[in-house]
């Protein structure tokens, strides 16, 4: 059996060549189900520059075009407004609140639609 080619990838700043964070797709358990989840984290020095949005959008495109996933989730704490904006910018929709790792989280979802071209 061939395993999917995903995980967390390094985010490298183009201008400096510096490692500034990660972005990727991982299996996470939520409500007793293993789900494909899009996750990212950047050094705070690079917040507010659109880099996390760019990386998250690239991972979403990869999930749908290369991995052929039907959908992918984003799990975010309700007070993380910047991350919620990123998920909204890449087209993910809020579906519910849940408990994940002992915390209340917001669950977002993007559904693959082959008729749409991801930018």
C-alpha atoms as a PDB file:
ATOM      1  CA  UNK A   1       0.000   0.000   0.000  1.00  0.00           C
ATOM      2  CA  UNK A   2       1.356   3.410  -0.968  1.00  0.00           C
ATOM      3  CA  UNK A   3       1.055   6.104   1.678  1.00  0.00           C
ATOM      4  CA  UNK A   4       0.035   9.640   0.725  1.00  0.00           C
ATOM      5  CA  UNK A   5       2.899  12.095   0.247  1.00  0.00           C
ATOM      6  CA  UNK A   6       2.159  14.736   2.796  1.00  0.00           C
ATOM      7  CA  UNK A   7       3.329  16.165   6.069  1.00  0.00           C
ATOM      8  CA  UNK A   8       4.720  19.454   7.294  1.00  0.00           C
ATOM      9  CA  UNK A   9       6.990  21.326   4.878  1.00  0.00           C
ATOM     10  CA  UNK A  10       9.509  24.054   5.624  1.00  0.00           C
ATOM     11  CA  UNK A  11       8.544  27.595   4.672  1.00  0.00           C
ATOM     12  CA  UNK A  12      11.653  29.389   3.436  1.00  0.00           C
ATOM     13  CA  UNK A  13      11.694  33.173   3.061  1.00  0.00           C
ATOM     14  CA  UNK A  14      12.563  33.924  -0.583  1.00  0.00           C
ATOM     15  CA  UNK A  15      14.577  37.081   0.039  1.00  0.00           C
ATOM     16  CA  UNK A  16      16.670  35.863   2.983  1.00  0.00           C
ATOM     17  CA  UNK A  17      16.694  32.093   2.460  1.00  0.00           C
ATOM     18  CA  UNK A  18      15.770  31.781   6.140  1.00  0.00           C
ATOM     19  CA  UNK A  19      13.533  29.051   7.576  1.00  0.00           C
ATOM     20  CA  UNK A  20      10.523  30.972   8.901  1.00  0.00           C
ATOM     21  CA  UNK A  21       8.006  28.246   9.696  1.00  0.00           C
ATOM     22  CA  UNK A  22       6.102  25.295   8.326  1.00  0.00           C
ATOM     23  CA  UNK A  23       2.932  24.526   6.445  1.00  0.00           C
ATOM     24  CA  UNK A  24       1.402  21.232   5.449  1.00  0.00           C
ATOM     25  CA  UNK A  25      -1.173  18.517   5.701  1.00  0.00           C
ATOM     26  CA  UNK A  26      -1.316  15.992   8.524  1.00  0.00           C
ATOM     27  CA  UNK A  27      -3.718  13.419   9.872  1.00  0.00           C
ATOM     28  CA  UNK A  28      -5.400  14.663  13.041  1.00  0.00           C
ATOM     29  CA  UNK A  29      -7.982  12.912  15.180  1.00  0.00           C
ATOM     30  CA  UNK A  30     -11.094  14.965  15.773  1.00  0.00           C
ATOM     31  CA  UNK A  31     -14.306  13.585  17.235  1.00  0.00           C
ATOM     32  CA  UNK A  32     -12.902  10.060  16.919  1.00  0.00           C
ATOM     33  CA  UNK A  33     -12.164  10.360  13.189  1.00  0.00           C
ATOM     34  CA  UNK A  34      -8.813  10.706  11.456  1.00  0.00           C
ATOM     35  CA  UNK A  35      -9.035  13.746   9.194  1.00  0.00           C
ATOM     36  CA  UNK A  36      -6.676  15.524   6.808  1.00  0.00           C
ATOM     37  CA  UNK A  37      -5.879  18.866   8.389  1.00  0.00           C
ATOM     38  CA  UNK A  38      -4.118  21.889   6.941  1.00  0.00           C
ATOM     39  CA  UNK A  39      -1.752  23.464   9.447  1.00  0.00           C
ATOM     40  CA  UNK A  40       0.828  26.242   9.442  1.00  0.00           C
ATOM     41  CA  UNK A  41       2.988  28.283  11.769  1.00  0.00           C
ATOM     42  CA  UNK A  42       5.283  31.210  11.005  1.00  0.00           C
ATOM     43  CA  UNK A  43       7.831  33.139  13.028  1.00  0.00           C
ATOM     44  CA  UNK A  44       5.996  36.225  14.342  1.00  0.00           C
ATOM     45  CA  UNK A  45       8.559  38.457  12.613  1.00  0.00           C
ATOM     46  CA  UNK A  46       6.909  37.446   9.316  1.00  0.00           C
ATOM     47  CA  UNK A  47       3.248  37.840  10.302  1.00  0.00           C
ATOM     48  CA  UNK A  48       1.056  40.258   8.356  1.00  0.00           C
ATOM     49  CA  UNK A  49       2.890  39.862   5.042  1.00  0.00           C
ATOM     50  CA  UNK A  50       0.539  37.356   3.402  1.00  0.00           C
ATOM     51  CA  UNK A  51       3.133  34.584   3.608  1.00  0.00           C
ATOM     52  CA  UNK A  52       0.998  32.184   5.669  1.00  0.00           C
ATOM     53  CA  UNK A  53      -1.911  32.732   3.270  1.00  0.00           C
ATOM     54  CA  UNK A  54       0.360  32.026   0.308  1.00  0.00           C
ATOM     55  CA  UNK A  55       1.746  28.843   1.907  1.00  0.00           C
ATOM     56  CA  UNK A  56      -1.689  27.623   3.040  1.00  0.00           C
ATOM     57  CA  UNK A  57      -3.157  28.208  -0.420  1.00  0.00           C
ATOM     58  CA  UNK A  58      -0.300  26.247  -2.021  1.00  0.00           C
ATOM     59  CA  UNK A  59      -0.905  23.331   0.369  1.00  0.00           C
ATOM     60  CA  UNK A  60      -4.642  23.419  -0.319  1.00  0.00           C
ATOM     61  CA  UNK A  61      -4.002  23.326  -4.057  1.00  0.00           C
ATOM     62  CA  UNK A  62      -1.573  20.416  -3.564  1.00  0.00           C
ATOM     63  CA  UNK A  63      -4.141  18.529  -1.460  1.00  0.00           C
ATOM     64  CA  UNK A  64      -6.732  18.747  -4.219  1.00  0.00           C
ATOM     65  CA  UNK A  65      -4.616  18.475  -7.378  1.00  0.00           C
ATOM     66  CA  UNK A  66      -1.872  16.033  -6.321  1.00  0.00           C
ATOM     67  CA  UNK A  67      -3.379  14.062  -3.434  1.00  0.00           C
ATOM     68  CA  UNK A  68      -6.914  14.111  -4.880  1.00  0.00           C
ATOM     69  CA  UNK A  69      -8.458  14.688  -1.456  1.00  0.00           C
ATOM     70  CA  UNK A  70     -12.206  15.285  -1.448  1.00  0.00           C
ATOM     71  CA  UNK A  71     -11.951  17.783   1.402  1.00  0.00           C
ATOM     72  CA  UNK A  72      -9.553  19.105   4.006  1.00  0.00           C
ATOM     73  CA  UNK A  73     -10.130  20.612   7.448  1.00  0.00           C
ATOM     74  CA  UNK A  74      -8.591  23.558   9.251  1.00  0.00           C
ATOM     75  CA  UNK A  75      -8.656  23.502  13.062  1.00  0.00           C
ATOM     76  CA  UNK A  76      -8.163  26.828  14.838  1.00  0.00           C
ATOM     77  CA  UNK A  77      -8.701  28.256  18.294  1.00  0.00           C
ATOM     78  CA  UNK A  78     -11.559  30.809  18.264  1.00  0.00           C
ATOM     79  CA  UNK A  79      -9.346  33.636  19.543  1.00  0.00           C
ATOM     80  CA  UNK A  80      -6.808  33.189  16.724  1.00  0.00           C
ATOM     81  CA  UNK A  81      -8.400  35.786  14.452  1.00  0.00           C
ATOM     82  CA  UNK A  82      -5.408  36.009  12.093  1.00  0.00           C
ATOM     83  CA  UNK A  83      -5.535  32.279  11.377  1.00  0.00           C
ATOM     84  CA  UNK A  84      -9.307  32.419  10.889  1.00  0.00           C
ATOM     85  CA  UNK A  85      -8.774  35.180   8.291  1.00  0.00           C
ATOM     86  CA  UNK A  86      -6.202  33.009   6.492  1.00  0.00           C
ATOM     87  CA  UNK A  87      -8.617  30.074   6.299  1.00  0.00           C
ATOM     88  CA  UNK A  88     -11.364  32.361   4.983  1.00  0.00           C
ATOM     89  CA  UNK A  89      -9.023  33.906   2.380  1.00  0.00           C
ATOM     90  CA  UNK A  90      -8.200  30.482   0.943  1.00  0.00           C
ATOM     91  CA  UNK A  91     -11.880  29.578   0.722  1.00  0.00           C
ATOM     92  CA  UNK A  92     -12.401  27.428   3.798  1.00  0.00           C
ATOM     93  CA  UNK A  93     -15.799  27.670   5.475  1.00  0.00           C
ATOM     94  CA  UNK A  94     -16.650  27.413   9.171  1.00  0.00           C
ATOM     95  CA  UNK A  95     -18.585  24.208   9.817  1.00  0.00           C
ATOM     96  CA  UNK A  96     -18.710  23.787  13.609  1.00  0.00           C
ATOM     97  CA  UNK A  97     -17.096  24.142  17.000  1.00  0.00           C
ATOM     98  CA  UNK A  98     -15.558  21.036  18.516  1.00  0.00           C
ATOM     99  CA  UNK A  99     -13.185  19.841  21.220  1.00  0.00           C
ATOM    100  CA  UNK A 100      -9.669  19.038  20.019  1.00  0.00           C
ATOM    101  CA  UNK A 101      -6.724  18.286  22.320  1.00  0.00           C
ATOM    102  CA  UNK A 102      -8.889  19.353  25.267  1.00  0.00           C
ATOM    103  CA  UNK A 103      -9.650  22.813  23.823  1.00  0.00           C
ATOM    104  CA  UNK A 104     -12.644  24.366  22.121  1.00  0.00           C
ATOM    105  CA  UNK A 105     -11.760  24.908  18.464  1.00  0.00           C
ATOM    106  CA  UNK A 106     -13.413  26.117  15.288  1.00  0.00           C
ATOM    107  CA  UNK A 107     -13.399  23.617  12.441  1.00  0.00           C
ATOM    108  CA  UNK A 108     -13.199  24.912   8.876  1.00  0.00           C
ATOM    109  CA  UNK A 109     -13.563  22.867   5.711  1.00  0.00           C
ATOM    110  CA  UNK A 110     -12.640  23.188   2.054  1.00  0.00           C
ATOM    111  CA  UNK A 111     -14.301  20.836  -0.407  1.00  0.00           C
ATOM    112  CA  UNK A 112     -12.588  19.953  -3.660  1.00  0.00           C
ATOM    113  CA  UNK A 113     -14.490  21.231  -6.664  1.00  0.00           C
ATOM    114  CA  UNK A 114     -12.684  20.243  -9.874  1.00  0.00           C
ATOM    115  CA  UNK A 115     -14.681  22.845 -11.811  1.00  0.00           C
ATOM    116  CA  UNK A 116     -12.950  25.642  -9.890  1.00  0.00           C
ATOM    117  CA  UNK A 117      -9.380  26.601 -10.655  1.00  0.00           C
ATOM    118  CA  UNK A 118      -7.392  27.361  -7.508  1.00  0.00           C
ATOM    119  CA  UNK A 119      -5.163  30.408  -7.849  1.00  0.00           C
END
